[in-house]
Amino acid sequence: MDRQYDYLIVGAGLYGAVCAYELTQAGKKCLVIDKRNHIGGNVYTEEVEGINVHKYGAHIFHTSDKAIWNYVNQFAEFNNYINAPVARYKNELYNLPFNMNTFTKLWPDVFTPQDAMNRIAEERKQGYVEEPKNLQEQAINLVGKTIYEKLIKGYTEKQWGKSCEELPAFIIKRLPVRFTFDNNYFNDRYQGIPVGGYTKMIEKMLVEADIKLNYDYFAHKDELKNIADKIIYTGAIDQYFDYVYGALEYRSIRLETETLDMPNYQGNAVVNYTAKDVPFTRIIEHKHFEFGQQPKTIISKEFSSTWQVGDEPYYPVNNDKNNALYQKYKALAEKELNVIFGGRLGEYKYYDMHNVIKAALDRVQELIK
C-alpha cells in the first residue's frame, strides 16, 4: 500500500488522541487505529440508563498544571467533582485519605491534630524497624499498626495478589497523612469529570483524523507497513517486539457491573473494601461522578487479578526485574527509526491522565520541529 498518511497512530486512547489532534492541527494527515470497537482506550465511558459508565474503572481528572487544565477544557466542560473515597473495613466506615475525620473515628480519644500526631507517633514507635524488609514493616514505620491493619493491609494484598510480608518495602515510600478535616484525595488545584463523559472529549480530539476500529495492528501489519511516514505506537512495547526477551508483568483488574433498580446504592462514587475476606477491592457507583439523579444506578465491583499475555494490562509492575527488562526493549525501540513509542504501555510506566497529555504534547512538539 502506498503512503497515504503522515502518521499512523496505533491506539485511540488519550495519548494517541492528543497526538492526533495536535498533528492534524499542524496540517499532518493521521490514521488512528484501535483493536477495540471504541475510541478512548481505558478512559472510555459508555452511556447506560443516562449514566456515563467508566468501562475500565474510575478515571478522575486532576492536575496543578494550569496549561494542561486549559488544554483539556478546549474539548470538554468539567464539573466540580472532588474525589473523596470512603473505606469500609468490616462494619466500619472511614474517610480517605488519612485525615482528621479518619483519626477521630479510629480512636475515640483523638480530637485534635496534636492528639492524632501523638497517637500515630506512639504506634510507630511500638512497631518501628530500623531497616524495613517488606511492605508491612515499611507501612507500620510510617503510620503504625492500627491504620496499617484496618486500611492498608487487606486492600494492598488484594491489589498485588501477595501478602504484605512478601511485597517489597519500596512500594510504599510514603503515605499521605493530613492533620486537617479534609477528605479531598488529591492536592491538585484543578479537578473534575468531563460533563457527558470522557468519550465525547476524545471524539473532539479525533475529529480531523481518519479512524479504524476493530482493527488490530498486528493482524494487519503487512498492509500497514507503508501506509504512513511514521508510526506512533501506544500498545505494549514487549508485544511490538514479539516478547523476544519475555513478557513484562502487569496487574490487571476485572469489573463486574450491574444496573440496580434504586436511585442510590452507596452514596459515594468510590468505596474501598479494605478487609481481605471481601474479594473485591472497591465498588464504583458511576452516577456520583456527575451528581446524577437518575431513577436507577449502576455499580462496578473491581477485582484485582493476575495478568497473563492476552489479558488487558493495567498497572506496570515496576520492580527491579521488570525495569531491567523494559530497558532491553527500550534499546530495541530506539533502533526503530520511524516508530515513536508512547503512553502507559509503550513506555511501561503508570501515567495519570494529565501526565499522559503532557507527554504527548511534548512528543508532538519534538516531531513538528
Protein backbone atom coordinates (compact mmCIF):
# COMPACT_ATOMS: atom_id res chain seq x y z
CA MET A 1 0.00 0.00 0.00
CA ASP A 2 1.35 3.43 -0.94
CA ARG A 3 1.91 6.10 1.67
CA GLN A 4 -1.39 7.86 2.35
CA TYR A 5 -0.69 9.39 5.76
CA ASP A 6 1.99 11.30 7.58
CA TYR A 7 1.28 9.35 10.79
CA LEU A 8 -0.25 6.01 11.69
CA ILE A 9 -1.31 6.18 15.34
CA VAL A 10 -1.79 2.79 16.97
CA GLY A 11 -4.25 3.21 19.82
CA ALA A 12 -7.17 5.63 20.20
CA GLY A 13 -6.60 6.27 23.91
CA LEU A 14 -5.65 9.58 25.48
CA TYR A 15 -2.01 9.63 24.30
CA GLY A 16 -2.94 8.71 20.72
CA ALA A 17 -5.86 11.15 20.64
CA VAL A 18 -3.76 14.11 21.83
CA CYS A 19 -1.10 13.28 19.22
CA ALA A 20 -3.76 13.01 16.52
CA TYR A 21 -5.29 16.36 17.43
CA GLU A 22 -2.01 18.25 17.57
CA LEU A 23 -0.66 16.69 14.38
CA THR A 24 -3.83 17.29 12.37
CA GLN A 25 -3.86 20.90 13.63
CA ALA A 26 -0.31 21.17 12.27
CA GLY A 27 -1.53 20.03 8.85
CA LYS A 28 -0.48 16.38 9.11
CA LYS A 29 -2.70 13.57 7.87
CA CYS A 30 -3.30 10.90 10.53
CA LEU A 31 -4.85 7.46 10.60
CA VAL A 32 -5.79 6.25 14.09
CA ILE A 33 -6.44 2.53 14.56
CA ASP A 34 -7.58 0.58 17.60
CA LYS A 35 -8.18 -3.11 18.19
CA ARG A 36 -11.21 -2.31 20.35
CA ASN A 37 -14.61 -1.36 18.97
CA HIS A 38 -14.46 2.11 20.52
CA ILE A 39 -12.21 5.13 20.93
CA GLY A 40 -10.89 6.39 24.27
CA GLY A 41 -8.78 3.48 25.45
CA ASN A 42 -9.19 2.94 29.18
CA VAL A 43 -10.86 6.33 29.73
CA TYR A 44 -13.80 5.23 27.54
CA THR A 45 -17.22 5.96 29.01
CA GLU A 46 -20.47 4.45 27.75
CA GLU A 47 -23.90 5.90 28.43
CA VAL A 48 -26.26 3.37 30.06
CA GLU A 49 -29.59 4.39 31.66
CA GLY A 50 -28.50 8.01 31.21
CA ILE A 51 -25.35 7.37 33.30
CA ASN A 52 -21.80 7.64 31.93
CA VAL A 53 -20.24 4.33 32.92
CA HIS A 54 -16.43 4.21 33.27
CA LYS A 55 -15.99 0.91 31.46
CA TYR A 56 -12.37 0.34 32.52
CA GLY A 57 -12.54 1.64 36.07
CA ALA A 58 -12.74 5.08 37.64
CA HIS A 59 -10.91 7.95 35.95
CA ILE A 60 -10.82 11.30 37.75
CA PHE A 61 -9.01 14.14 36.05
CA HIS A 62 -6.74 16.21 38.30
CA THR A 63 -3.77 18.49 37.74
CA SER A 64 -1.98 21.50 39.18
CA ASP A 65 -0.71 22.47 35.72
CA LYS A 66 -2.88 25.36 34.53
CA ALA A 67 -1.74 24.92 30.92
CA ILE A 68 -2.91 21.28 30.91
CA TRP A 69 -6.20 22.26 32.58
CA ASN A 70 -6.81 24.92 29.94
CA TYR A 71 -5.87 22.40 27.25
CA VAL A 72 -8.48 19.78 28.24
CA ASN A 73 -11.12 22.45 28.68
CA GLN A 74 -10.97 23.01 24.91
CA PHE A 75 -12.61 19.63 24.45
CA ALA A 76 -14.97 19.35 27.41
CA GLU A 77 -16.63 21.29 30.17
CA PHE A 78 -15.51 19.82 33.51
CA ASN A 79 -17.76 19.58 36.54
CA ASN A 80 -16.59 20.27 40.11
CA TYR A 81 -16.38 16.65 41.27
CA ILE A 82 -13.93 16.19 44.16
CA ASN A 83 -12.54 12.72 44.78
CA ALA A 84 -13.33 11.80 48.39
CA PRO A 85 -13.33 8.00 48.66
CA VAL A 86 -14.64 6.12 51.67
CA ALA A 87 -13.04 2.96 53.08
CA ARG A 88 -15.11 0.14 54.55
CA TYR A 89 -13.36 -2.21 56.97
CA LYS A 90 -15.77 -4.92 58.15
CA ASN A 91 -18.65 -2.85 59.58
CA GLU A 92 -16.71 0.37 60.00
CA LEU A 93 -16.52 3.30 57.55
CA TYR A 94 -13.57 5.70 57.29
CA ASN A 95 -12.73 8.73 55.18
CA LEU A 96 -9.74 8.75 52.84
CA PRO A 97 -7.06 9.97 52.50
CA PHE A 98 -5.92 9.54 56.11
CA ASN A 99 -7.06 12.75 57.81
CA MET A 100 -8.63 14.03 61.00
CA ASN A 101 -12.01 12.52 60.05
CA THR A 102 -10.24 9.14 59.82
CA PHE A 103 -8.30 9.53 63.07
CA THR A 104 -11.24 10.67 65.22
CA LYS A 105 -13.20 7.61 64.03
CA LEU A 106 -10.29 5.19 64.58
CA TRP A 107 -9.52 6.45 68.09
CA PRO A 108 -12.40 7.77 70.25
CA ASP A 109 -9.99 9.77 72.45
CA VAL A 110 -8.46 11.68 69.50
CA PHE A 111 -9.99 15.15 68.97
CA THR A 112 -7.19 17.46 67.85
CA PRO A 113 -4.31 17.30 65.36
CA GLN A 114 -1.88 17.04 68.28
CA ASP A 115 -3.84 14.10 69.71
CA ALA A 116 -3.61 12.36 66.32
CA MET A 117 0.11 13.10 65.93
CA ASN A 118 0.79 11.73 69.41
CA ARG A 119 -1.20 8.54 68.79
CA ILE A 120 0.44 7.84 65.42
CA ALA A 121 3.91 8.59 66.84
CA GLU A 122 3.26 6.19 69.72
CA GLU A 123 2.13 3.40 67.36
CA ARG A 124 5.06 3.97 65.00
CA LYS A 125 7.48 3.75 67.92
CA GLN A 126 5.96 0.46 69.14
CA GLY A 127 6.40 -1.26 65.77
CA TYR A 128 9.44 0.58 64.38
CA VAL A 129 12.01 -1.42 62.39
CA GLU A 130 15.33 0.26 61.57
CA GLU A 131 15.58 -1.20 58.06
CA PRO A 132 12.17 -2.41 56.84
CA LYS A 133 12.48 -5.55 54.73
CA ASN A 134 8.91 -5.65 53.41
CA LEU A 135 5.82 -3.53 52.85
CA GLN A 136 4.29 -4.44 56.22
CA GLU A 137 7.29 -3.17 58.17
CA GLN A 138 7.51 -0.05 55.99
CA ALA A 139 3.81 0.80 56.43
CA ILE A 140 3.94 0.34 60.22
CA ASN A 141 7.05 2.55 60.30
CA LEU A 142 5.06 5.26 58.54
CA VAL A 143 1.61 5.15 60.21
CA GLY A 144 1.55 2.49 62.94
CA LYS A 145 -0.33 -0.75 63.37
CA THR A 146 -3.99 0.39 63.59
CA ILE A 147 -4.08 2.26 60.27
CA TYR A 148 -1.99 -0.46 58.63
CA GLU A 149 -4.24 -3.33 59.74
CA LYS A 150 -7.58 -1.65 59.03
CA LEU A 151 -6.91 0.47 55.96
CA ILE A 152 -3.77 -0.78 54.18
CA LYS A 153 -3.07 -4.48 54.70
CA GLY A 154 -6.08 -6.24 53.14
CA TYR A 155 -6.53 -3.76 50.30
CA THR A 156 -2.85 -3.93 49.33
CA GLU A 157 -2.77 -7.74 49.45
CA LYS A 158 -5.80 -7.92 47.15
CA GLN A 159 -4.24 -5.38 44.78
CA TRP A 160 -0.95 -7.25 44.44
CA GLY A 161 -2.08 -10.84 44.99
CA LYS A 162 0.63 -11.32 47.65
CA SER A 163 0.92 -10.89 51.40
CA CYS A 164 2.41 -7.59 52.60
CA GLU A 165 5.27 -9.57 54.15
CA GLU A 166 6.20 -10.79 50.64
CA LEU A 167 5.91 -7.37 48.99
CA PRO A 168 8.98 -5.09 48.82
CA ALA A 169 9.13 -2.06 51.12
CA PHE A 170 9.66 0.40 48.24
CA ILE A 171 6.04 0.02 47.04
CA ILE A 172 5.02 2.32 49.91
CA LYS A 173 7.64 5.06 50.01
CA ARG A 174 5.31 7.39 51.85
CA LEU A 175 1.69 7.54 52.96
CA PRO A 176 -0.13 10.89 52.87
CA VAL A 177 -1.30 11.82 56.38
CA ARG A 178 -3.25 15.05 56.85
CA PHE A 179 -3.92 16.65 60.18
CA THR A 180 -6.92 18.58 58.84
CA PHE A 181 -10.57 17.63 58.35
CA ASP A 182 -10.15 17.39 54.56
CA ASN A 183 -11.42 14.42 52.52
CA ASN A 184 -10.17 15.71 49.16
CA TYR A 185 -7.96 12.85 47.94
CA PHE A 186 -5.88 14.93 45.53
CA ASN A 187 -3.85 18.00 46.38
CA ASP A 188 -4.17 19.33 42.84
CA ARG A 189 -5.61 22.76 42.13
CA TYR A 190 -7.86 21.57 39.27
CA GLN A 191 -10.10 18.53 39.42
CA GLY A 192 -13.27 17.22 37.79
CA ILE A 193 -15.02 14.90 35.34
CA PRO A 194 -15.93 15.89 31.74
CA VAL A 195 -19.64 16.66 31.58
CA GLY A 196 -21.09 13.98 29.29
CA GLY A 197 -18.17 11.58 29.79
CA TYR A 198 -14.63 11.12 28.50
CA THR A 199 -15.69 9.59 25.18
CA LYS A 200 -17.14 12.89 23.96
CA MET A 201 -13.88 14.62 24.89
CA ILE A 202 -11.83 12.09 22.88
CA GLU A 203 -14.21 12.41 19.91
CA LYS A 204 -13.37 16.11 19.68
CA MET A 205 -9.64 15.35 19.72
CA LEU A 206 -10.03 12.88 16.86
CA VAL A 207 -12.39 14.96 14.75
CA GLU A 208 -9.94 15.54 11.86
CA ALA A 209 -8.22 12.13 11.88
CA ASP A 210 -9.29 9.04 9.97
CA ILE A 211 -10.26 6.23 12.36
CA LYS A 212 -10.46 2.45 12.02
CA LEU A 213 -11.84 0.46 14.95
CA ASN A 214 -11.85 -3.32 15.46
CA TYR A 215 -8.54 -3.14 13.63
CA ASP A 216 -5.60 -4.89 15.26
CA TYR A 217 -2.20 -3.52 14.28
CA PHE A 218 -0.54 -6.94 14.50
CA ALA A 219 -3.21 -8.66 12.40
CA HIS A 220 -2.80 -6.02 9.66
CA LYS A 221 0.91 -5.26 10.00
CA ASP A 222 1.78 -6.14 6.39
CA GLU A 223 -0.87 -3.94 4.82
CA LEU A 224 0.02 -1.06 7.18
CA LYS A 225 3.75 -1.32 6.54
CA ASN A 226 3.98 1.54 4.04
CA ILE A 227 0.78 3.44 4.79
CA ALA A 228 2.45 6.28 6.72
CA ASP A 229 5.81 8.02 7.07
CA LYS A 230 5.88 7.48 10.84
CA ILE A 231 4.10 5.35 13.43
CA ILE A 232 3.09 6.46 16.92
CA TYR A 233 2.68 3.21 18.80
CA THR A 234 0.84 3.22 22.15
CA GLY A 235 0.47 -0.53 22.63
CA ALA A 236 2.61 -2.82 24.77
CA ILE A 237 6.29 -2.41 23.90
CA ASP A 238 7.10 -6.09 24.54
CA GLN A 239 4.29 -7.21 22.22
CA TYR A 240 5.66 -4.98 19.46
CA PHE A 241 8.91 -6.96 19.62
CA ASP A 242 7.05 -10.29 19.87
CA TYR A 243 8.13 -10.78 23.51
CA VAL A 244 11.66 -11.56 22.34
CA TYR A 245 13.05 -11.09 25.89
CA GLY A 246 9.90 -12.38 27.62
CA ALA A 247 6.75 -10.59 28.79
CA LEU A 248 6.76 -7.58 31.07
CA GLU A 249 4.50 -8.02 34.10
CA TYR A 250 1.29 -6.14 34.88
CA ARG A 251 -1.54 -6.28 37.35
CA SER A 252 -4.95 -6.38 35.77
CA ILE A 253 -8.47 -5.70 37.01
CA ARG A 254 -11.82 -7.31 36.36
CA LEU A 255 -15.06 -5.35 36.71
CA GLU A 256 -18.46 -6.85 37.50
CA THR A 257 -21.02 -4.21 36.54
CA GLU A 258 -24.73 -4.29 37.31
CA THR A 259 -27.72 -1.98 36.98
CA LEU A 260 -29.75 -1.63 40.17
CA ASP A 261 -33.38 -0.53 40.38
CA MET A 262 -32.71 2.10 43.04
CA PRO A 263 -31.58 5.72 42.88
CA ASN A 264 -28.58 5.45 45.23
CA TYR A 265 -26.57 2.39 46.31
CA GLN A 266 -23.66 3.65 48.42
CA GLY A 267 -23.88 7.45 48.47
CA ASN A 268 -20.36 7.94 47.07
CA ALA A 269 -18.60 7.37 43.75
CA VAL A 270 -15.88 5.16 45.28
CA VAL A 271 -15.95 2.92 48.36
CA ASN A 272 -12.81 0.85 49.05
CA TYR A 273 -13.23 -2.50 50.81
CA THR A 274 -10.10 -2.93 52.89
CA ALA A 275 -10.79 -6.28 54.60
CA LYS A 276 -9.02 -9.24 52.99
CA ASP A 277 -12.10 -11.50 53.19
CA VAL A 278 -14.06 -9.28 50.77
CA PRO A 279 -12.91 -10.44 47.31
CA PHE A 280 -13.19 -7.08 45.50
CA THR A 281 -11.08 -4.01 46.18
CA ARG A 282 -13.75 -1.37 45.69
CA ILE A 283 -17.20 -0.54 44.37
CA ILE A 284 -17.65 2.33 41.93
CA GLU A 285 -21.10 3.95 41.66
CA HIS A 286 -20.82 5.77 38.35
CA LYS A 287 -23.65 8.30 38.64
CA HIS A 288 -21.98 10.08 41.56
CA PHE A 289 -19.10 11.24 39.32
CA GLU A 290 -21.63 13.55 37.66
CA PHE A 291 -24.07 14.09 40.57
CA GLY A 292 -26.70 12.03 38.73
CA GLN A 293 -30.37 11.99 39.73
CA GLN A 294 -31.44 9.09 37.51
CA PRO A 295 -34.04 6.64 38.91
CA LYS A 296 -31.61 3.70 38.56
CA THR A 297 -27.95 3.32 39.44
CA ILE A 298 -25.01 1.35 38.02
CA ILE A 299 -22.26 -0.11 40.17
CA SER A 300 -19.00 -1.88 39.28
CA LYS A 301 -17.22 -4.20 41.68
CA GLU A 302 -13.49 -4.08 40.95
CA PHE A 303 -11.37 -7.21 41.40
CA SER A 304 -7.59 -7.11 41.15
CA SER A 305 -6.24 -10.00 39.10
CA THR A 306 -3.05 -11.67 37.93
CA TRP A 307 -2.17 -10.67 34.37
CA GLN A 308 -1.24 -13.09 31.59
CA VAL A 309 -0.41 -12.37 27.96
CA GLY A 310 -3.73 -11.72 26.21
CA ASP A 311 -5.37 -10.08 29.25
CA GLU A 312 -5.90 -6.34 29.49
CA PRO A 313 -2.77 -4.82 31.09
CA TYR A 314 -3.50 -2.08 33.65
CA TYR A 315 -0.68 -1.43 36.10
CA PRO A 316 3.01 -1.98 35.24
CA VAL A 317 4.85 -3.92 37.95
CA ASN A 318 7.84 -1.56 38.11
CA ASN A 319 10.14 -3.69 40.25
CA ASP A 320 13.87 -4.12 39.52
CA LYS A 321 13.35 -7.21 37.37
CA ASN A 322 10.74 -5.62 35.09
CA ASN A 323 12.51 -2.27 34.88
CA ALA A 324 15.67 -4.07 33.69
CA LEU A 325 13.62 -5.99 31.13
CA TYR A 326 11.97 -2.78 29.92
CA GLN A 327 15.41 -1.21 29.36
CA LYS A 328 16.20 -4.04 26.94
CA TYR A 329 13.01 -3.37 24.99
CA LYS A 330 13.66 0.38 25.10
CA ALA A 331 17.07 -0.21 23.49
CA LEU A 332 15.31 -2.05 20.64
CA ALA A 333 12.72 0.73 20.37
CA GLU A 334 15.45 3.34 19.92
CA LYS A 335 16.64 1.50 16.80
CA GLU A 336 13.18 1.76 15.18
CA LEU A 337 13.80 4.98 13.28
CA ASN A 338 10.24 5.76 12.21
CA VAL A 339 8.35 4.42 15.23
CA ILE A 340 7.60 6.51 18.33
CA PHE A 341 6.66 4.56 21.47
CA GLY A 342 4.42 6.43 23.90
CA GLY A 343 1.90 6.16 26.71
CA ARG A 344 1.44 3.77 29.61
CA LEU A 345 2.08 0.57 27.62
CA GLY A 346 4.57 1.94 25.12
CA GLU A 347 6.76 3.31 27.92
CA TYR A 348 5.89 0.70 30.59
CA LYS A 349 5.04 3.43 33.05
CA TYR A 350 2.00 4.28 35.15
CA TYR A 351 0.74 7.68 33.99
CA ASP A 352 -2.00 9.85 35.50
CA MET A 353 -4.11 11.42 32.75
CA HIS A 354 -2.61 14.91 33.00
CA ASN A 355 0.88 13.40 32.64
CA VAL A 356 -0.21 11.38 29.60
CA ILE A 357 -1.39 14.59 27.96
CA LYS A 358 1.81 16.48 28.79
CA ALA A 359 3.98 13.62 27.50
CA ALA A 360 2.00 13.51 24.23
CA LEU A 361 2.20 17.30 23.78
CA ASP A 362 5.95 17.28 24.41
CA ARG A 363 6.47 14.46 21.92
CA VAL A 364 4.43 16.19 19.21
CA GLN A 365 6.44 19.38 19.70
CA GLU A 366 9.59 17.39 19.01
CA LEU A 367 8.05 15.83 15.90
CA ILE A 368 6.78 19.12 14.49
CA LYS A 369 10.19 20.79 14.98
